[in-house]
Amino acid sequence: MLQLQNQPLANIIDLYQVLYSFTEIFPTLVTLIKSAITMPVSSTTCERTFSKMKMIKTTIRSTMTDDRLSDLCLIAVERDIELNFEQLIDKFADIHKNSRIMLK
């Protein structure tokens, strides 16, 4: 049987690491702690998305459909994603072989 050492727990991640070995005994508690650890990340993403949506809606207020708003929000929120344009062009060229423009 596993024994707990008397070690101070500084934060909830330390508690999760200790309780992870007892998943069979306390499955609900481990799930609860796992949810508590991921909650700040989830709420941060939502807050960031809503602030971008608010900015977009005030900038372009006239005749905005849900599809357009969704697309603009996706572009604004995910702008930090780095793209390799050479790889993207090669992939596009492989898919569209009968293109009039020489891509490769």
PDB file of N, CA and C in Angstrom:
ATOM      1  N   MET A   1       0.838  -1.184   0.000  1.00  0.00           N
ATOM      2  CA  MET A   1       0.000   0.000   0.000  1.00  0.00           C
ATOM      3  C   MET A   1       0.883   1.248   0.000  1.00  0.00           C
ATOM      4  N   LEU A   2       0.421   2.287  -0.670  1.00  0.00           N
ATOM      5  CA  LEU A   2       1.178   3.526  -0.754  1.00  0.00           C
ATOM      6  C   LEU A   2       1.042   4.331   0.523  1.00  0.00           C
ATOM      7  N   GLN A   3       2.118   4.974   0.905  1.00  0.00           N
ATOM      8  CA  GLN A   3       2.087   5.820   2.094  1.00  0.00           C
ATOM      9  C   GLN A   3       2.353   7.263   1.682  1.00  0.00           C
ATOM     10  N   LEU A   4       1.628   8.153   2.310  1.00  0.00           N
ATOM     11  CA  LEU A   4       1.854   9.575   2.071  1.00  0.00           C
ATOM     12  C   LEU A   4       2.972  10.072   2.960  1.00  0.00           C
ATOM     13  N   GLN A   5       3.817  10.881   2.391  1.00  0.00           N
ATOM     14  CA  GLN A   5       4.861  11.512   3.187  1.00  0.00           C
ATOM     15  C   GLN A   5       4.310  12.831   3.702  1.00  0.00           C
ATOM     16  N   ASN A   6       4.796  13.256   4.850  1.00  0.00           N
ATOM     17  CA  ASN A   6       4.376  14.551   5.380  1.00  0.00           C
ATOM     18  C   ASN A   6       5.131  15.645   4.644  1.00  0.00           C
ATOM     19  N   GLN A   7       4.531  16.066   3.556  1.00  0.00           N
ATOM     20  CA  GLN A   7       5.151  17.117   2.762  1.00  0.00           C
ATOM     21  C   GLN A   7       4.143  18.253   2.605  1.00  0.00           C
ATOM     22  N   PRO A   8       4.595  19.488   2.725  1.00  0.00           N
ATOM     23  CA  PRO A   8       3.659  20.606   2.575  1.00  0.00           C
ATOM     24  C   PRO A   8       3.246  20.761   1.109  1.00  0.00           C
ATOM     25  N   LEU A   9       1.980  21.059   0.899  1.00  0.00           N
ATOM     26  CA  LEU A   9       1.458  21.259  -0.447  1.00  0.00           C
ATOM     27  C   LEU A   9       1.351  22.760  -0.700  1.00  0.00           C
ATOM     28  N   ALA A  10       2.102  23.230  -1.655  1.00  0.00           N
ATOM     29  CA  ALA A  10       2.150  24.667  -1.920  1.00  0.00           C
ATOM     30  C   ALA A  10       0.959  25.149  -2.739  1.00  0.00           C
ATOM     31  N   ASN A  11       0.461  24.299  -3.647  1.00  0.00           N
ATOM     32  CA  ASN A  11      -0.653  24.716  -4.498  1.00  0.00           C
ATOM     33  C   ASN A  11      -1.487  23.509  -4.898  1.00  0.00           C
ATOM     34  N   ILE A  12      -2.499  23.752  -5.711  1.00  0.00           N
ATOM     35  CA  ILE A  12      -3.432  22.694  -6.082  1.00  0.00           C
ATOM     36  C   ILE A  12      -2.787  21.676  -7.023  1.00  0.00           C
ATOM     37  N   ILE A  13      -1.774  22.074  -7.754  1.00  0.00           N
ATOM     38  CA  ILE A  13      -1.086  21.129  -8.640  1.00  0.00           C
ATOM     39  C   ILE A  13      -0.327  20.095  -7.818  1.00  0.00           C
ATOM     40  N   ASP A  14       0.282  20.525  -6.719  1.00  0.00           N
ATOM     41  CA  ASP A  14       0.943  19.569  -5.823  1.00  0.00           C
ATOM     42  C   ASP A  14      -0.067  18.579  -5.251  1.00  0.00           C
ATOM     43  N   LEU A  15      -1.237  19.066  -4.882  1.00  0.00           N
ATOM     44  CA  LEU A  15      -2.290  18.187  -4.367  1.00  0.00           C
ATOM     45  C   LEU A  15      -2.721  17.183  -5.423  1.00  0.00           C
ATOM     46  N   TYR A  16      -2.849  17.629  -6.654  1.00  0.00           N
ATOM     47  CA  TYR A  16      -3.223  16.728  -7.742  1.00  0.00           C
ATOM     48  C   TYR A  16      -2.161  15.651  -7.958  1.00  0.00           C
ATOM     49  N   GLN A  17      -0.895  16.031  -7.902  1.00  0.00           N
ATOM     50  CA  GLN A  17       0.179  15.055  -8.092  1.00  0.00           C
ATOM     51  C   GLN A  17       0.189  14.007  -6.987  1.00  0.00           C
ATOM     52  N   VAL A  18      -0.138  14.414  -5.766  1.00  0.00           N
ATOM     53  CA  VAL A  18      -0.187  13.452  -4.659  1.00  0.00           C
ATOM     54  C   VAL A  18      -1.395  12.536  -4.808  1.00  0.00           C
ATOM     55  N   LEU A  19      -2.550  13.106  -5.149  1.00  0.00           N
ATOM     56  CA  LEU A  19      -3.774  12.309  -5.229  1.00  0.00           C
ATOM     57  C   LEU A  19      -3.882  11.484  -6.507  1.00  0.00           C
ATOM     58  N   TYR A  20      -3.070  11.764  -7.502  1.00  0.00           N
ATOM     59  CA  TYR A  20      -3.161  11.031  -8.763  1.00  0.00           C
ATOM     60  C   TYR A  20      -2.921   9.534  -8.567  1.00  0.00           C
ATOM     61  N   SER A  21      -2.050   9.175  -7.652  1.00  0.00           N
ATOM     62  CA  SER A  21      -1.794   7.752  -7.397  1.00  0.00           C
ATOM     63  C   SER A  21      -2.976   7.074  -6.702  1.00  0.00           C
ATOM     64  N   PHE A  22      -3.901   7.864  -6.163  1.00  0.00           N
ATOM     65  CA  PHE A  22      -5.084   7.319  -5.492  1.00  0.00           C
ATOM     66  C   PHE A  22      -6.339   7.477  -6.356  1.00  0.00           C
ATOM     67  N   THR A  23      -6.177   7.452  -7.653  1.00  0.00           N
ATOM     68  CA  THR A  23      -7.308   7.657  -8.554  1.00  0.00           C
ATOM     69  C   THR A  23      -8.377   6.589  -8.382  1.00  0.00           C
ATOM     70  N   GLU A  24      -7.978   5.344  -8.131  1.00  0.00           N
ATOM     71  CA  GLU A  24      -8.961   4.272  -7.954  1.00  0.00           C
ATOM     72  C   GLU A  24      -9.763   4.456  -6.671  1.00  0.00           C
ATOM     73  N   ILE A  25      -9.162   5.048  -5.658  1.00  0.00           N
ATOM     74  CA  ILE A  25      -9.848   5.232  -4.375  1.00  0.00           C
ATOM     75  C   ILE A  25     -10.711   6.491  -4.402  1.00  0.00           C
ATOM     76  N   PHE A  26     -10.187   7.578  -4.954  1.00  0.00           N
ATOM     77  CA  PHE A  26     -10.896   8.866  -4.986  1.00  0.00           C
ATOM     78  C   PHE A  26     -11.067   9.366  -6.427  1.00  0.00           C
ATOM     79  N   PRO A  27     -11.814   8.669  -7.269  1.00  0.00           N
ATOM     80  CA  PRO A  27     -11.903   9.108  -8.670  1.00  0.00           C
ATOM     81  C   PRO A  27     -12.602  10.458  -8.838  1.00  0.00           C
ATOM     82  N   THR A  28     -13.626  10.697  -8.039  1.00  0.00           N
ATOM     83  CA  THR A  28     -14.365  11.955  -8.166  1.00  0.00           C
ATOM     84  C   THR A  28     -13.529  13.136  -7.689  1.00  0.00           C
ATOM     85  N   LEU A  29     -12.779  12.934  -6.626  1.00  0.00           N
ATOM     86  CA  LEU A  29     -11.932  14.003  -6.099  1.00  0.00           C
ATOM     87  C   LEU A  29     -10.829  14.367  -7.095  1.00  0.00           C
ATOM     88  N   VAL A  30     -10.239  13.369  -7.721  1.00  0.00           N
ATOM     89  CA  VAL A  30      -9.189  13.630  -8.712  1.00  0.00           C
ATOM     90  C   VAL A  30      -9.777  14.377  -9.913  1.00  0.00           C
ATOM     91  N   THR A  31     -10.977  13.989 -10.344  1.00  0.00           N
ATOM     92  CA  THR A  31     -11.639  14.683 -11.449  1.00  0.00           C
ATOM     93  C   THR A  31     -11.962  16.125 -11.081  1.00  0.00           C
ATOM     94  N   LEU A  32     -12.404  16.345  -9.844  1.00  0.00           N
ATOM     95  CA  LEU A  32     -12.718  17.693  -9.377  1.00  0.00           C
ATOM     96  C   LEU A  32     -11.473  18.581  -9.370  1.00  0.00           C
ATOM     97  N   ILE A  33     -10.371  18.044  -8.887  1.00  0.00           N
ATOM     98  CA  ILE A  33      -9.129  18.828  -8.834  1.00  0.00           C
ATOM     99  C   ILE A  33      -8.612  19.103 -10.244  1.00  0.00           C
ATOM    100  N   LYS A  34      -8.746  18.121 -11.135  1.00  0.00           N
ATOM    101  CA  LYS A  34      -8.331  18.323 -12.523  1.00  0.00           C
ATOM    102  C   LYS A  34      -9.160  19.436 -13.170  1.00  0.00           C
ATOM    103  N   SER A  35     -10.450  19.472 -12.876  1.00  0.00           N
ATOM    104  CA  SER A  35     -11.309  20.542 -13.401  1.00  0.00           C
ATOM    105  C   SER A  35     -10.913  21.894 -12.828  1.00  0.00           C
ATOM    106  N   ALA A  36     -10.578  21.925 -11.544  1.00  0.00           N
ATOM    107  CA  ALA A  36     -10.185  23.184 -10.906  1.00  0.00           C
ATOM    108  C   ALA A  36      -8.874  23.717 -11.485  1.00  0.00           C
ATOM    109  N   ILE A  37      -7.990  22.822 -11.883  1.00  0.00           N
ATOM    110  CA  ILE A  37      -6.713  23.251 -12.465  1.00  0.00           C
ATOM    111  C   ILE A  37      -6.932  23.860 -13.852  1.00  0.00           C
ATOM    112  N   THR A  38      -7.825  23.276 -14.649  1.00  0.00           N
ATOM    113  CA  THR A  38      -8.026  23.764 -16.017  1.00  0.00           C
ATOM    114  C   THR A  38      -8.994  24.931 -16.113  1.00  0.00           C
ATOM    115  N   MET A  39      -9.732  25.226 -15.079  1.00  0.00           N
ATOM    116  CA  MET A  39     -10.736  26.290 -15.134  1.00  0.00           C
ATOM    117  C   MET A  39     -10.161  27.675 -15.437  1.00  0.00           C
ATOM    118  N   PRO A  40      -9.061  28.108 -14.836  1.00  0.00           N
ATOM    119  CA  PRO A  40      -8.547  29.445 -15.169  1.00  0.00           C
ATOM    120  C   PRO A  40      -8.174  29.592 -16.640  1.00  0.00           C
ATOM    121  N   VAL A  41      -7.643  28.543 -17.239  1.00  0.00           N
ATOM    122  CA  VAL A  41      -7.284  28.598 -18.653  1.00  0.00           C
ATOM    123  C   VAL A  41      -8.540  28.732 -19.501  1.00  0.00           C
ATOM    124  N   SER A  42      -9.568  27.963 -19.155  1.00  0.00           N
ATOM    125  CA  SER A  42     -10.813  28.009 -19.913  1.00  0.00           C
ATOM    126  C   SER A  42     -11.470  29.376 -19.822  1.00  0.00           C
ATOM    127  N   SER A  43     -11.522  29.951 -18.643  1.00  0.00           N
ATOM    128  CA  SER A  43     -12.183  31.252 -18.494  1.00  0.00           C
ATOM    129  C   SER A  43     -11.369  32.368 -19.148  1.00  0.00           C
ATOM    130  N   THR A  44     -10.064  32.241 -19.151  1.00  0.00           N
ATOM    131  CA  THR A  44      -9.225  33.248 -19.798  1.00  0.00           C
ATOM    132  C   THR A  44      -9.479  33.275 -21.299  1.00  0.00           C
ATOM    133  N   THR A  45      -9.604  32.103 -21.900  1.00  0.00           N
ATOM    134  CA  THR A  45      -9.876  32.030 -23.330  1.00  0.00           C
ATOM    135  C   THR A  45     -11.220  32.665 -23.658  1.00  0.00           C
ATOM    136  N   CYS A  46     -12.235  32.391 -22.845  1.00  0.00           N
ATOM    137  CA  CYS A  46     -13.561  32.976 -23.080  1.00  0.00           C
ATOM    138  C   CYS A  46     -13.528  34.489 -22.929  1.00  0.00           C
ATOM    139  N   GLU A  47     -12.858  34.973 -21.899  1.00  0.00           N
ATOM    140  CA  GLU A  47     -12.787  36.421 -21.685  1.00  0.00           C
ATOM    141  C   GLU A  47     -12.069  37.112 -22.837  1.00  0.00           C
ATOM    142  N   ARG A  48     -11.004  36.487 -23.325  1.00  0.00           N
ATOM    143  CA  ARG A  48     -10.258  37.060 -24.441  1.00  0.00           C
ATOM    144  C   ARG A  48     -11.126  37.102 -25.700  1.00  0.00           C
ATOM    145  N   THR A  49     -11.886  36.029 -25.921  1.00  0.00           N
ATOM    146  CA  THR A  49     -12.753  35.964 -27.089  1.00  0.00           C
ATOM    147  C   THR A  49     -13.850  37.012 -27.025  1.00  0.00           C
ATOM    148  N   PHE A  50     -14.476  37.164 -25.850  1.00  0.00           N
ATOM    149  CA  PHE A  50     -15.551  38.149 -25.729  1.00  0.00           C
ATOM    150  C   PHE A  50     -15.033  39.579 -25.865  1.00  0.00           C
ATOM    151  N   SER A  51     -13.842  39.856 -25.362  1.00  0.00           N
ATOM    152  CA  SER A  51     -13.308  41.215 -25.509  1.00  0.00           C
ATOM    153  C   SER A  51     -13.003  41.520 -26.973  1.00  0.00           C
ATOM    154  N   LYS A  52     -12.495  40.525 -27.717  1.00  0.00           N
ATOM    155  CA  LYS A  52     -12.251  40.729 -29.150  1.00  0.00           C
ATOM    156  C   LYS A  52     -13.561  40.921 -29.899  1.00  0.00           C
ATOM    157  N   MET A  53     -14.593  40.109 -29.531  1.00  0.00           N
ATOM    158  CA  MET A  53     -15.881  40.221 -30.192  1.00  0.00           C
ATOM    159  C   MET A  53     -16.499  41.602 -29.942  1.00  0.00           C
ATOM    160  N   LYS A  54     -16.348  42.102 -28.725  1.00  0.00           N
ATOM    161  CA  LYS A  54     -16.873  43.423 -28.388  1.00  0.00           C
ATOM    162  C   LYS A  54     -16.176  44.504 -29.222  1.00  0.00           C
ATOM    163  N   MET A  55     -14.863  44.368 -29.394  1.00  0.00           N
ATOM    164  CA  MET A  55     -14.107  45.338 -30.179  1.00  0.00           C
ATOM    165  C   MET A  55     -14.525  45.290 -31.650  1.00  0.00           C
ATOM    166  N   ILE A  56     -14.714  44.094 -32.185  1.00  0.00           N
ATOM    167  CA  ILE A  56     -15.111  43.945 -33.586  1.00  0.00           C
ATOM    168  C   ILE A  56     -16.514  44.501 -33.806  1.00  0.00           C
ATOM    169  N   LYS A  57     -17.422  44.220 -32.892  1.00  0.00           N
ATOM    170  CA  LYS A  57     -18.796  44.692 -33.060  1.00  0.00           C
ATOM    171  C   LYS A  57     -18.884  46.210 -32.995  1.00  0.00           C
ATOM    172  N   THR A  58     -18.058  46.854 -32.198  1.00  0.00           N
ATOM    173  CA  THR A  58     -18.116  48.314 -32.156  1.00  0.00           C
ATOM    174  C   THR A  58     -17.449  48.930 -33.381  1.00  0.00           C
ATOM    175  N   THR A  59     -16.459  48.261 -33.927  1.00  0.00           N
ATOM    176  CA  THR A  59     -15.767  48.787 -35.101  1.00  0.00           C
ATOM    177  C   THR A  59     -16.625  48.649 -36.361  1.00  0.00           C
ATOM    178  N   ILE A  60     -17.230  47.492 -36.542  1.00  0.00           N
ATOM    179  CA  ILE A  60     -18.007  47.212 -37.752  1.00  0.00           C
ATOM    180  C   ILE A  60     -19.445  46.909 -37.320  1.00  0.00           C
ATOM    181  N   ARG A  61     -20.195  47.922 -37.024  1.00  0.00           N
ATOM    182  CA  ARG A  61     -21.521  47.702 -36.454  1.00  0.00           C
ATOM    183  C   ARG A  61     -22.598  47.478 -37.522  1.00  0.00           C
ATOM    184  N   SER A  62     -22.425  47.969 -38.725  1.00  0.00           N
ATOM    185  CA  SER A  62     -23.502  47.900 -39.715  1.00  0.00           C
ATOM    186  C   SER A  62     -23.524  46.553 -40.430  1.00  0.00           C
ATOM    187  N   THR A  63     -24.694  46.009 -40.564  1.00  0.00           N
ATOM    188  CA  THR A  63     -25.004  44.773 -41.313  1.00  0.00           C
ATOM    189  C   THR A  63     -23.993  43.653 -41.081  1.00  0.00           C
ATOM    190  N   MET A  64     -23.874  43.210 -39.871  1.00  0.00           N
ATOM    191  CA  MET A  64     -22.978  42.095 -39.578  1.00  0.00           C
ATOM    192  C   MET A  64     -23.814  40.843 -39.319  1.00  0.00           C
ATOM    193  N   THR A  65     -23.602  39.815 -40.126  1.00  0.00           N
ATOM    194  CA  THR A  65     -24.297  38.555 -39.900  1.00  0.00           C
ATOM    195  C   THR A  65     -23.509  37.727 -38.904  1.00  0.00           C
ATOM    196  N   ASP A  66     -24.137  36.667 -38.404  1.00  0.00           N
ATOM    197  CA  ASP A  66     -23.461  35.803 -37.437  1.00  0.00           C
ATOM    198  C   ASP A  66     -22.247  35.114 -38.044  1.00  0.00           C
ATOM    199  N   ASP A  67     -22.355  34.712 -39.308  1.00  0.00           N
ATOM    200  CA  ASP A  67     -21.220  34.047 -39.959  1.00  0.00           C
ATOM    201  C   ASP A  67     -20.022  34.986 -40.076  1.00  0.00           C
ATOM    202  N   ARG A  68     -20.287  36.211 -40.465  1.00  0.00           N
ATOM    203  CA  ARG A  68     -19.193  37.182 -40.607  1.00  0.00           C
ATOM    204  C   ARG A  68     -18.562  37.497 -39.256  1.00  0.00           C
ATOM    205  N   LEU A  69     -19.408  37.688 -38.235  1.00  0.00           N
ATOM    206  CA  LEU A  69     -18.890  37.959 -36.898  1.00  0.00           C
ATOM    207  C   LEU A  69     -18.053  36.790 -36.392  1.00  0.00           C
ATOM    208  N   SER A  70     -18.528  35.577 -36.635  1.00  0.00           N
ATOM    209  CA  SER A  70     -17.787  34.390 -36.210  1.00  0.00           C
ATOM    210  C   SER A  70     -16.431  34.306 -36.900  1.00  0.00           C
ATOM    211  N   ASP A  71     -16.408  34.564 -38.207  1.00  0.00           N
ATOM    212  CA  ASP A  71     -15.144  34.513 -38.951  1.00  0.00           C
ATOM    213  C   ASP A  71     -14.169  35.596 -38.494  1.00  0.00           C
ATOM    214  N   LEU A  72     -14.675  36.811 -38.277  1.00  0.00           N
ATOM    215  CA  LEU A  72     -13.806  37.896 -37.819  1.00  0.00           C
ATOM    216  C   LEU A  72     -13.263  37.631 -36.418  1.00  0.00           C
ATOM    217  N   CYS A  73     -14.100  37.059 -35.553  1.00  0.00           N
ATOM    218  CA  CYS A  73     -13.641  36.727 -34.196  1.00  0.00           C
ATOM    219  C   CYS A  73     -12.565  35.652 -34.236  1.00  0.00           C
ATOM    220  N   LEU A  74     -12.747  34.665 -35.097  1.00  0.00           N
ATOM    221  CA  LEU A  74     -11.753  33.602 -35.219  1.00  0.00           C
ATOM    222  C   LEU A  74     -10.414  34.163 -35.677  1.00  0.00           C
ATOM    223  N   ILE A  75     -10.442  35.061 -36.638  1.00  0.00           N
ATOM    224  CA  ILE A  75      -9.207  35.683 -37.118  1.00  0.00           C
ATOM    225  C   ILE A  75      -8.550  36.511 -36.016  1.00  0.00           C
ATOM    226  N   ALA A  76      -9.348  37.272 -35.283  1.00  0.00           N
ATOM    227  CA  ALA A  76      -8.795  38.154 -34.249  1.00  0.00           C
ATOM    228  C   ALA A  76      -8.247  37.381 -33.060  1.00  0.00           C
ATOM    229  N   VAL A  77      -8.940  36.328 -32.653  1.00  0.00           N
ATOM    230  CA  VAL A  77      -8.518  35.587 -31.463  1.00  0.00           C
ATOM    231  C   VAL A  77      -7.319  34.702 -31.758  1.00  0.00           C
ATOM    232  N   GLU A  78      -7.306  34.071 -32.915  1.00  0.00           N
ATOM    233  CA  GLU A  78      -6.252  33.114 -33.245  1.00  0.00           C
ATOM    234  C   GLU A  78      -5.134  33.733 -34.070  1.00  0.00           C
ATOM    235  N   ARG A  79      -4.949  35.032 -34.000  1.00  0.00           N
ATOM    236  CA  ARG A  79      -3.913  35.677 -34.813  1.00  0.00           C
ATOM    237  C   ARG A  79      -2.501  35.339 -34.351  1.00  0.00           C
ATOM    238  N   ASP A  80      -2.350  34.802 -33.161  1.00  0.00           N
ATOM    239  CA  ASP A  80      -1.026  34.483 -32.634  1.00  0.00           C
ATOM    240  C   ASP A  80      -0.455  33.193 -33.218  1.00  0.00           C
ATOM    241  N   ILE A  81      -1.248  32.457 -33.982  1.00  0.00           N
ATOM    242  CA  ILE A  81      -0.785  31.196 -34.558  1.00  0.00           C
ATOM    243  C   ILE A  81       0.218  31.501 -35.666  1.00  0.00           C
ATOM    244  N   GLU A  82       1.381  30.884 -35.588  1.00  0.00           N
ATOM    245  CA  GLU A  82       2.425  31.081 -36.590  1.00  0.00           C
ATOM    246  C   GLU A  82       2.167  30.142 -37.770  1.00  0.00           C
ATOM    247  N   LEU A  83       2.278  30.659 -38.982  1.00  0.00           N
ATOM    248  CA  LEU A  83       2.083  29.861 -40.186  1.00  0.00           C
ATOM    249  C   LEU A  83       3.379  29.777 -40.977  1.00  0.00           C
ATOM    250  N   ASN A  84       3.635  28.597 -41.515  1.00  0.00           N
ATOM    251  CA  ASN A  84       4.758  28.399 -42.418  1.00  0.00           C
ATOM    252  C   ASN A  84       4.203  28.535 -43.841  1.00  0.00           C
ATOM    253  N   PHE A  85       4.405  29.693 -44.459  1.00  0.00           N
ATOM    254  CA  PHE A  85       3.782  29.976 -45.743  1.00  0.00           C
ATOM    255  C   PHE A  85       4.336  29.104 -46.865  1.00  0.00           C
ATOM    256  N   GLU A  86       5.594  28.745 -46.812  1.00  0.00           N
ATOM    257  CA  GLU A  86       6.167  27.866 -47.839  1.00  0.00           C
ATOM    258  C   GLU A  86       5.468  26.510 -47.828  1.00  0.00           C
ATOM    259  N   GLN A  87       5.274  25.969 -46.643  1.00  0.00           N
ATOM    260  CA  GLN A  87       4.597  24.678 -46.512  1.00  0.00           C
ATOM    261  C   GLN A  87       3.135  24.798 -46.948  1.00  0.00           C
ATOM    262  N   LEU A  88       2.500  25.904 -46.637  1.00  0.00           N
ATOM    263  CA  LEU A  88       1.111  26.136 -47.020  1.00  0.00           C
ATOM    264  C   LEU A  88       0.967  26.226 -48.541  1.00  0.00           C
ATOM    265  N   ILE A  89       1.889  26.915 -49.198  1.00  0.00           N
ATOM    266  CA  ILE A  89       1.852  27.033 -50.661  1.00  0.00           C
ATOM    267  C   ILE A  89       2.097  25.678 -51.306  1.00  0.00           C
ATOM    268  N   ASP A  90       3.049  24.904 -50.777  1.00  0.00           N
ATOM    269  CA  ASP A  90       3.312  23.567 -51.318  1.00  0.00           C
ATOM    270  C   ASP A  90       2.092  22.664 -51.188  1.00  0.00           C
ATOM    271  N   LYS A  91       1.430  22.725 -50.056  1.00  0.00           N
ATOM    272  CA  LYS A  91       0.240  21.904 -49.839  1.00  0.00           C
ATOM    273  C   LYS A  91      -0.883  22.324 -50.789  1.00  0.00           C
ATOM    274  N   PHE A  92      -1.058  23.630 -50.973  1.00  0.00           N
ATOM    275  CA  PHE A  92      -2.076  24.140 -51.897  1.00  0.00           C
ATOM    276  C   PHE A  92      -1.761  23.723 -53.328  1.00  0.00           C
ATOM    277  N   ALA A  93      -0.484  23.781 -53.711  1.00  0.00           N
ATOM    278  CA  ALA A  93      -0.076  23.399 -55.065  1.00  0.00           C
ATOM    279  C   ALA A  93      -0.310  21.913 -55.308  1.00  0.00           C
ATOM    280  N   ASP A  94      -0.092  21.079 -54.298  1.00  0.00           N
ATOM    281  CA  ASP A  94      -0.335  19.645 -54.450  1.00  0.00           C
ATOM    282  C   ASP A  94      -1.820  19.345 -54.626  1.00  0.00           C
ATOM    283  N   ILE A  95      -2.664  20.102 -53.943  1.00  0.00           N
ATOM    284  CA  ILE A  95      -4.109  19.870 -54.038  1.00  0.00           C
ATOM    285  C   ILE A  95      -4.647  20.363 -55.381  1.00  0.00           C
ATOM    286  N   HIS A  96      -4.192  21.521 -55.853  1.00  0.00           N
ATOM    287  CA  HIS A  96      -4.692  22.141 -57.087  1.00  0.00           C
ATOM    288  C   HIS A  96      -3.633  22.031 -58.179  1.00  0.00           C
ATOM    289  N   LYS A  97      -3.547  20.861 -58.782  1.00  0.00           N
ATOM    290  CA  LYS A  97      -2.504  20.611 -59.777  1.00  0.00           C
ATOM    291  C   LYS A  97      -2.776  21.333 -61.100  1.00  0.00           C
ATOM    292  N   ASN A  98      -4.046  21.602 -61.423  1.00  0.00           N
ATOM    293  CA  ASN A  98      -4.361  22.219 -62.711  1.00  0.00           C
ATOM    294  C   ASN A  98      -4.519  23.735 -62.600  1.00  0.00           C
ATOM    295  N   SER A  99      -3.782  24.346 -61.704  1.00  0.00           N
ATOM    296  CA  SER A  99      -3.851  25.793 -61.515  1.00  0.00           C
ATOM    297  C   SER A  99      -3.154  26.515 -62.664  1.00  0.00           C
ATOM    298  N   ARG A 100      -3.632  27.699 -63.016  1.00  0.00           N
ATOM    299  CA  ARG A 100      -3.016  28.481 -64.089  1.00  0.00           C
ATOM    300  C   ARG A 100      -1.742  29.172 -63.623  1.00  0.00           C
ATOM    301  N   ILE A 101      -1.602  29.358 -62.329  1.00  0.00           N
ATOM    302  CA  ILE A 101      -0.423  30.021 -61.773  1.00  0.00           C
ATOM    303  C   ILE A 101       0.549  28.946 -61.294  1.00  0.00           C
ATOM    304  N   MET A 102       1.804  29.067 -61.671  1.00  0.00           N
ATOM    305  CA  MET A 102       2.807  28.104 -61.227  1.00  0.00           C
ATOM    306  C   MET A 102       3.178  28.411 -59.777  1.00  0.00           C
ATOM    307  N   LEU A 103       2.871  27.499 -58.882  1.00  0.00           N
ATOM    308  CA  LEU A 103       3.140  27.708 -57.468  1.00  0.00           C
ATOM    309  C   LEU A 103       4.460  27.084 -57.033  1.00  0.00           C
ATOM    310  N   LYS A 104       4.927  26.101 -57.780  1.00  0.00           N
ATOM    311  CA  LYS A 104       6.190  25.442 -57.418  1.00  0.00           C
ATOM    312  C   LYS A 104       7.229  25.690 -58.476  1.00  0.00           C
TER     313      LYS A 104
END
